[in-house]
């Protein structure tokens, strides 16, 4: 073998080694670098997303602290549908204050839903003077509960200045 052919053979072997090393060493390394960089970008994006969520959560906590007293007040507008004792006590108290003889009745199993809101119907049968009845109705309308008068029937009693009234009252529940 001549020296020229030895050089050519060496160059060929060197080229084959370069090509093989490129295929088996450098290409997998480049592929791994590309995969790692994509993963790094994904993790950075996820980190930014989580940081934004934490920031939003902290802002909502601040807003909630400001709004919380109002939420409690709003919640107190609704009566407990299971045990409406507070509301019944309220009705008894204002009937005494207004000097109205009131009979309160409701069906505990008659919980009704309308437009996604639940309520109880109370039937009030009263007997009093007309001015006292107006005071009683006014106190119901300005009650610290969410109420709505559904039906009101007033009739003159046999006695002078005495009216009998039947009030159907819708009271919203929790």
C-alpha atoms as a PDB file:
ATOM      1  CA  UNK A   1       0.000   0.000   0.000  1.00  0.00           C
ATOM      2  CA  UNK A   2       1.326   3.324  -0.935  1.00  0.00           C
ATOM      3  CA  UNK A   3       1.484   6.280   1.298  1.00  0.00           C
ATOM      4  CA  UNK A   4      -1.148   8.105  -0.791  1.00  0.00           C
ATOM      5  CA  UNK A   5      -3.607   5.232  -0.392  1.00  0.00           C
ATOM      6  CA  UNK A   6      -2.813   5.079   3.344  1.00  0.00           C
ATOM      7  CA  UNK A   7      -3.640   8.774   3.633  1.00  0.00           C
ATOM      8  CA  UNK A   8      -6.826   8.304   1.631  1.00  0.00           C
ATOM      9  CA  UNK A   9      -7.797   5.318   3.785  1.00  0.00           C
ATOM     10  CA  UNK A  10      -7.087   7.319   6.936  1.00  0.00           C
ATOM     11  CA  UNK A  11      -9.149  10.226   5.676  1.00  0.00           C
ATOM     12  CA  UNK A  12     -11.965   7.828   4.809  1.00  0.00           C
ATOM     13  CA  UNK A  13     -11.825   6.188   8.218  1.00  0.00           C
ATOM     14  CA  UNK A  14     -11.738   9.613   9.845  1.00  0.00           C
ATOM     15  CA  UNK A  15     -14.772  10.714   7.820  1.00  0.00           C
ATOM     16  CA  UNK A  16     -16.636   7.526   8.701  1.00  0.00           C
ATOM     17  CA  UNK A  17     -15.790   8.091  12.390  1.00  0.00           C
ATOM     18  CA  UNK A  18     -16.986  11.696  12.181  1.00  0.00           C
ATOM     19  CA  UNK A  19     -20.232  10.670  10.516  1.00  0.00           C
ATOM     20  CA  UNK A  20     -20.796   7.800  12.971  1.00  0.00           C
ATOM     21  CA  UNK A  21     -20.021  10.004  15.956  1.00  0.00           C
ATOM     22  CA  UNK A  22     -22.404  12.639  14.582  1.00  0.00           C
ATOM     23  CA  UNK A  23     -25.132  10.022  14.202  1.00  0.00           C
ATOM     24  CA  UNK A  24     -24.626   8.144  17.457  1.00  0.00           C
ATOM     25  CA  UNK A  25     -23.258  10.839  19.802  1.00  0.00           C
ATOM     26  CA  UNK A  26     -24.085  14.396  18.701  1.00  0.00           C
ATOM     27  CA  UNK A  27     -27.608  13.811  17.312  1.00  0.00           C
ATOM     28  CA  UNK A  28     -28.910  12.167  20.539  1.00  0.00           C
ATOM     29  CA  UNK A  29     -27.296  14.960  22.546  1.00  0.00           C
ATOM     30  CA  UNK A  30     -28.957  17.619  20.399  1.00  0.00           C
ATOM     31  CA  UNK A  31     -32.287  15.826  20.641  1.00  0.00           C
ATOM     32  CA  UNK A  32     -31.915  15.657  24.452  1.00  0.00           C
ATOM     33  CA  UNK A  33     -31.049  19.374  24.608  1.00  0.00           C
ATOM     34  CA  UNK A  34     -34.096  20.224  22.501  1.00  0.00           C
ATOM     35  CA  UNK A  35     -36.343  18.082  24.742  1.00  0.00           C
ATOM     36  CA  UNK A  36     -34.884  19.634  27.922  1.00  0.00           C
ATOM     37  CA  UNK A  37     -35.318  23.177  26.608  1.00  0.00           C
ATOM     38  CA  UNK A  38     -38.959  22.478  25.707  1.00  0.00           C
ATOM     39  CA  UNK A  39     -39.511  21.076  29.189  1.00  0.00           C
ATOM     40  CA  UNK A  40     -37.828  24.130  30.739  1.00  0.00           C
ATOM     41  CA  UNK A  41     -40.089  26.470  28.736  1.00  0.00           C
ATOM     42  CA  UNK A  42     -43.128  24.471  29.850  1.00  0.00           C
ATOM     43  CA  UNK A  43     -42.072  24.656  33.498  1.00  0.00           C
ATOM     44  CA  UNK A  44     -41.446  28.408  33.262  1.00  0.00           C
ATOM     45  CA  UNK A  45     -44.893  28.896  31.733  1.00  0.00           C
ATOM     46  CA  UNK A  46     -46.442  26.761  34.466  1.00  0.00           C
ATOM     47  CA  UNK A  47     -44.546  28.744  37.120  1.00  0.00           C
ATOM     48  CA  UNK A  48     -45.833  32.044  35.699  1.00  0.00           C
ATOM     49  CA  UNK A  49     -49.356  30.634  35.646  1.00  0.00           C
ATOM     50  CA  UNK A  50     -49.091  29.491  39.281  1.00  0.00           C
ATOM     51  CA  UNK A  51     -47.636  32.841  40.359  1.00  0.00           C
ATOM     52  CA  UNK A  52     -50.601  34.584  38.706  1.00  0.00           C
ATOM     53  CA  UNK A  53     -53.015  32.225  40.468  1.00  0.00           C
ATOM     54  CA  UNK A  54     -51.358  32.989  43.832  1.00  0.00           C
ATOM     55  CA  UNK A  55     -51.567  36.718  43.138  1.00  0.00           C
ATOM     56  CA  UNK A  56     -55.267  36.420  42.195  1.00  0.00           C
ATOM     57  CA  UNK A  57     -55.940  34.303  45.272  1.00  0.00           C
ATOM     58  CA  UNK A  58     -54.347  36.900  47.537  1.00  0.00           C
ATOM     59  CA  UNK A  59     -56.385  39.656  45.874  1.00  0.00           C
ATOM     60  CA  UNK A  60     -59.584  37.640  46.389  1.00  0.00           C
ATOM     61  CA  UNK A  61     -58.722  37.092  50.053  1.00  0.00           C
ATOM     62  CA  UNK A  62     -58.376  40.852  50.453  1.00  0.00           C
ATOM     63  CA  UNK A  63     -61.680  41.480  48.702  1.00  0.00           C
ATOM     64  CA  UNK A  64     -63.367  38.783  50.806  1.00  0.00           C
ATOM     65  CA  UNK A  65     -62.188  40.454  54.035  1.00  0.00           C
ATOM     66  CA  UNK A  66     -63.782  43.699  52.876  1.00  0.00           C
ATOM     67  CA  UNK A  67     -67.033  42.059  51.716  1.00  0.00           C
ATOM     68  CA  UNK A  68     -67.381  39.475  54.514  1.00  0.00           C
ATOM     69  CA  UNK A  69     -69.480  41.657  56.879  1.00  0.00           C
ATOM     70  CA  UNK A  70     -71.917  42.368  54.025  1.00  0.00           C
ATOM     71  CA  UNK A  71     -72.141  38.660  53.220  1.00  0.00           C
ATOM     72  CA  UNK A  72     -73.085  37.920  56.832  1.00  0.00           C
ATOM     73  CA  UNK A  73     -75.781  40.607  56.700  1.00  0.00           C
ATOM     74  CA  UNK A  74     -77.127  39.188  53.444  1.00  0.00           C
ATOM     75  CA  UNK A  75     -77.118  35.687  54.922  1.00  0.00           C
ATOM     76  CA  UNK A  76     -79.130  36.969  57.901  1.00  0.00           C
ATOM     77  CA  UNK A  77     -81.898  38.103  55.522  1.00  0.00           C
ATOM     78  CA  UNK A  78     -82.845  34.459  54.992  1.00  0.00           C
ATOM     79  CA  UNK A  79     -84.551  32.334  57.634  1.00  0.00           C
ATOM     80  CA  UNK A  80     -83.568  28.811  58.551  1.00  0.00           C
ATOM     81  CA  UNK A  81     -85.935  26.539  56.640  1.00  0.00           C
ATOM     82  CA  UNK A  82     -85.508  23.690  59.103  1.00  0.00           C
ATOM     83  CA  UNK A  83     -86.198  25.692  62.262  1.00  0.00           C
ATOM     84  CA  UNK A  84     -87.790  29.104  61.563  1.00  0.00           C
ATOM     85  CA  UNK A  85     -88.145  29.865  65.282  1.00  0.00           C
ATOM     86  CA  UNK A  86     -86.396  33.243  65.037  1.00  0.00           C
ATOM     87  CA  UNK A  87     -88.813  34.430  62.386  1.00  0.00           C
ATOM     88  CA  UNK A  88     -91.868  33.173  64.271  1.00  0.00           C
ATOM     89  CA  UNK A  89     -90.592  34.919  67.421  1.00  0.00           C
ATOM     90  CA  UNK A  90     -90.143  38.070  65.361  1.00  0.00           C
ATOM     91  CA  UNK A  91     -93.760  37.868  64.130  1.00  0.00           C
ATOM     92  CA  UNK A  92     -95.055  37.292  67.665  1.00  0.00           C
ATOM     93  CA  UNK A  93     -93.012  40.214  69.003  1.00  0.00           C
ATOM     94  CA  UNK A  94     -94.187  42.707  66.368  1.00  0.00           C
ATOM     95  CA  UNK A  95     -97.806  41.554  66.758  1.00  0.00           C
ATOM     96  CA  UNK A  96     -97.555  42.339  70.481  1.00  0.00           C
ATOM     97  CA  UNK A  97     -95.869  45.683  69.805  1.00  0.00           C
ATOM     98  CA  UNK A  98     -98.561  46.590  67.275  1.00  0.00           C
ATOM     99  CA  UNK A  99    -101.354  45.254  69.508  1.00  0.00           C
ATOM    100  CA  UNK A 100    -102.504  42.833  66.844  1.00  0.00           C
ATOM    101  CA  UNK A 101    -103.978  39.454  67.689  1.00  0.00           C
ATOM    102  CA  UNK A 102    -102.188  37.219  65.165  1.00  0.00           C
ATOM    103  CA  UNK A 103    -102.444  33.510  64.558  1.00  0.00           C
ATOM    104  CA  UNK A 104     -99.373  32.258  62.684  1.00  0.00           C
ATOM    105  CA  UNK A 105     -99.426  29.037  60.722  1.00  0.00           C
ATOM    106  CA  UNK A 106     -97.189  27.362  58.197  1.00  0.00           C
ATOM    107  CA  UNK A 107     -96.519  23.885  56.936  1.00  0.00           C
ATOM    108  CA  UNK A 108     -92.948  22.869  57.780  1.00  0.00           C
ATOM    109  CA  UNK A 109     -92.916  20.313  54.977  1.00  0.00           C
ATOM    110  CA  UNK A 110     -94.051  22.940  52.457  1.00  0.00           C
ATOM    111  CA  UNK A 111     -90.621  24.134  51.344  1.00  0.00           C
ATOM    112  CA  UNK A 112     -91.027  25.527  47.877  1.00  0.00           C
ATOM    113  CA  UNK A 113     -88.497  26.450  45.196  1.00  0.00           C
ATOM    114  CA  UNK A 114     -89.105  29.031  42.526  1.00  0.00           C
ATOM    115  CA  UNK A 115     -86.420  30.367  40.175  1.00  0.00           C
ATOM    116  CA  UNK A 116     -83.797  28.520  42.213  1.00  0.00           C
ATOM    117  CA  UNK A 117     -84.801  30.297  45.450  1.00  0.00           C
ATOM    118  CA  UNK A 118     -86.394  28.387  48.296  1.00  0.00           C
ATOM    119  CA  UNK A 119     -89.024  29.875  50.571  1.00  0.00           C
ATOM    120  CA  UNK A 120     -91.707  29.079  53.121  1.00  0.00           C
ATOM    121  CA  UNK A 121     -95.281  30.367  53.065  1.00  0.00           C
ATOM    122  CA  UNK A 122     -96.695  31.694  56.327  1.00  0.00           C
ATOM    123  CA  UNK A 123    -100.405  32.320  56.845  1.00  0.00           C
ATOM    124  CA  UNK A 124    -101.214  35.127  59.302  1.00  0.00           C
ATOM    125  CA  UNK A 125    -104.779  35.608  60.504  1.00  0.00           C
ATOM    126  CA  UNK A 126    -105.143  38.832  62.446  1.00  0.00           C
ATOM    127  CA  UNK A 127    -107.759  40.676  64.395  1.00  0.00           C
ATOM    128  CA  UNK A 128    -107.118  44.316  65.379  1.00  0.00           C
ATOM    129  CA  UNK A 129    -107.918  47.924  64.738  1.00  0.00           C
ATOM    130  CA  UNK A 130    -107.054  49.179  61.274  1.00  0.00           C
ATOM    131  CA  UNK A 131    -104.229  51.551  62.415  1.00  0.00           C
ATOM    132  CA  UNK A 132    -102.635  48.780  64.488  1.00  0.00           C
ATOM    133  CA  UNK A 133    -102.862  46.401  61.538  1.00  0.00           C
ATOM    134  CA  UNK A 134    -101.120  48.978  59.327  1.00  0.00           C
ATOM    135  CA  UNK A 135     -98.310  49.262  61.916  1.00  0.00           C
ATOM    136  CA  UNK A 136     -98.025  45.464  61.909  1.00  0.00           C
ATOM    137  CA  UNK A 137     -97.821  45.260  58.094  1.00  0.00           C
ATOM    138  CA  UNK A 138     -95.296  48.106  58.010  1.00  0.00           C
ATOM    139  CA  UNK A 139     -93.064  46.230  60.477  1.00  0.00           C
ATOM    140  CA  UNK A 140     -93.285  43.098  58.331  1.00  0.00           C
ATOM    141  CA  UNK A 141     -92.319  45.078  55.243  1.00  0.00           C
ATOM    142  CA  UNK A 142     -89.310  46.640  57.016  1.00  0.00           C
ATOM    143  CA  UNK A 143     -88.317  43.375  58.692  1.00  0.00           C
ATOM    144  CA  UNK A 144     -84.686  42.256  58.728  1.00  0.00           C
ATOM    145  CA  UNK A 145     -85.800  39.247  56.692  1.00  0.00           C
ATOM    146  CA  UNK A 146     -86.415  38.853  52.983  1.00  0.00           C
ATOM    147  CA  UNK A 147     -90.216  38.669  52.837  1.00  0.00           C
ATOM    148  CA  UNK A 148     -92.924  39.258  50.290  1.00  0.00           C
ATOM    149  CA  UNK A 149     -96.645  39.663  50.912  1.00  0.00           C
ATOM    150  CA  UNK A 150     -98.348  37.333  48.424  1.00  0.00           C
ATOM    151  CA  UNK A 151    -101.963  37.882  49.343  1.00  0.00           C
ATOM    152  CA  UNK A 152    -103.786  40.254  51.673  1.00  0.00           C
ATOM    153  CA  UNK A 153    -107.493  40.030  52.512  1.00  0.00           C
ATOM    154  CA  UNK A 154    -108.972  42.581  54.908  1.00  0.00           C
ATOM    155  CA  UNK A 155    -112.561  42.540  56.068  1.00  0.00           C
ATOM    156  CA  UNK A 156    -114.562  44.562  58.590  1.00  0.00           C
ATOM    157  CA  UNK A 157    -115.379  42.655  61.733  1.00  0.00           C
ATOM    158  CA  UNK A 158    -118.754  42.845  63.445  1.00  0.00           C
ATOM    159  CA  UNK A 159    -117.163  45.068  66.099  1.00  0.00           C
ATOM    160  CA  UNK A 160    -116.579  48.768  65.502  1.00  0.00           C
ATOM    161  CA  UNK A 161    -113.101  49.777  64.213  1.00  0.00           C
ATOM    162  CA  UNK A 162    -111.933  46.135  64.164  1.00  0.00           C
ATOM    163  CA  UNK A 163    -110.656  44.453  61.020  1.00  0.00           C
ATOM    164  CA  UNK A 164    -109.885  40.864  60.304  1.00  0.00           C
ATOM    165  CA  UNK A 165    -107.089  40.168  57.894  1.00  0.00           C
ATOM    166  CA  UNK A 166    -105.551  37.138  56.263  1.00  0.00           C
ATOM    167  CA  UNK A 167    -101.994  37.608  55.049  1.00  0.00           C
ATOM    168  CA  UNK A 168    -100.084  35.086  52.947  1.00  0.00           C
ATOM    169  CA  UNK A 169     -96.411  35.818  53.472  1.00  0.00           C
ATOM    170  CA  UNK A 170     -93.560  34.368  51.404  1.00  0.00           C
ATOM    171  CA  UNK A 171     -90.312  34.210  53.389  1.00  0.00           C
ATOM    172  CA  UNK A 172     -87.076  33.248  51.644  1.00  0.00           C
ATOM    173  CA  UNK A 173     -84.915  30.602  53.292  1.00  0.00           C
ATOM    174  CA  UNK A 174     -81.259  29.614  53.350  1.00  0.00           C
END
